[in-house]
Amino acid sequence: MAKIFKHRTDVPYFDYKDFKTLQRYVNIYGQIESRKKTGLNEAQQRRLAVAIKRARHIALLPFVANS
């Protein structure tokens, strides 16, 4: 399984308003990609998940994919 971002281990902050960046970490079904696929460490993955959930809550990202 290939990582999405091999060089993306020094991400200081995920902004929930930057939905273009967050969309790269969400699969076609609307699920957050796993750590194995994103290449992030535990703390970064938690910050990513919080940012995605905040963006979903204010309707910048969908909760589920269009079917």
Protein backbone atom coordinates (compact mmCIF):
# COMPACT_ATOMS: atom_id res chain seq x y z
CA MET A 1 0.00 0.00 0.00
CA ALA A 2 1.57 3.28 -1.09
CA LYS A 3 1.54 6.36 1.09
CA ILE A 4 -0.20 9.45 -0.19
CA PHE A 5 2.52 11.82 0.97
CA LYS A 6 5.94 10.31 1.54
CA HIS A 7 7.57 13.66 2.38
CA ARG A 8 4.66 15.08 4.41
CA THR A 9 5.92 14.26 7.94
CA ASP A 10 6.61 17.82 9.12
CA VAL A 11 3.07 19.23 8.90
CA PRO A 12 2.81 21.79 11.71
CA TYR A 13 -0.92 22.54 11.46
CA PHE A 14 -4.01 21.48 9.55
CA ASP A 15 -6.40 24.37 8.98
CA TYR A 16 -10.04 23.30 8.93
CA LYS A 17 -10.83 26.17 6.54
CA ASP A 18 -8.37 24.82 3.95
CA PHE A 19 -10.75 22.22 2.56
CA LYS A 20 -8.71 21.69 -0.63
CA THR A 21 -5.85 20.24 1.41
CA LEU A 22 -8.18 18.22 3.64
CA GLN A 23 -9.91 16.65 0.63
CA ARG A 24 -6.67 14.86 -0.25
CA TYR A 25 -6.87 12.96 3.05
CA VAL A 26 -10.47 11.78 2.50
CA ASN A 27 -11.23 8.82 0.23
CA ILE A 28 -14.02 8.64 -2.35
CA TYR A 29 -16.45 7.32 0.26
CA GLY A 30 -15.87 10.27 2.59
CA GLN A 31 -13.77 8.36 5.10
CA ILE A 32 -10.55 9.69 6.60
CA GLU A 33 -7.54 7.83 5.23
CA SER A 34 -5.49 5.71 7.63
CA ARG A 35 -2.06 6.56 9.01
CA LYS A 36 -0.51 3.89 6.83
CA LYS A 37 -1.81 5.60 3.74
CA THR A 38 -1.21 9.23 4.74
CA GLY A 39 2.25 8.69 6.22
CA LEU A 40 1.55 10.93 9.22
CA ASN A 41 2.48 10.18 12.80
CA GLU A 42 -0.08 9.74 15.58
CA ALA A 43 -0.28 13.37 16.70
CA GLN A 44 -0.52 14.66 13.12
CA GLN A 45 -3.23 12.13 12.28
CA ARG A 46 -5.26 13.25 15.32
CA ARG A 47 -4.91 16.91 14.30
CA LEU A 48 -5.93 15.97 10.77
CA ALA A 49 -9.01 14.11 12.01
CA VAL A 50 -10.08 17.06 14.17
CA ALA A 51 -9.64 19.48 11.25
CA ILE A 52 -11.67 17.24 8.91
CA LYS A 53 -14.43 16.86 11.49
CA ARG A 54 -14.57 20.62 12.03
CA ALA A 55 -14.72 21.22 8.28
CA ARG A 56 -17.55 18.70 8.00
CA HIS A 57 -19.44 20.35 10.84
CA ILE A 58 -19.46 23.77 9.15
CA ALA A 59 -20.30 22.17 5.76
CA LEU A 60 -16.98 22.68 3.98
CA LEU A 61 -16.61 18.92 3.50
CA PRO A 62 -19.41 16.36 3.09
CA PHE A 63 -20.05 13.73 5.74
CA VAL A 64 -20.71 11.06 3.10
CA ALA A 65 -19.94 10.79 -0.59
CA ASN A 66 -22.59 11.46 -3.20
CA SER A 67 -24.12 8.23 -4.40
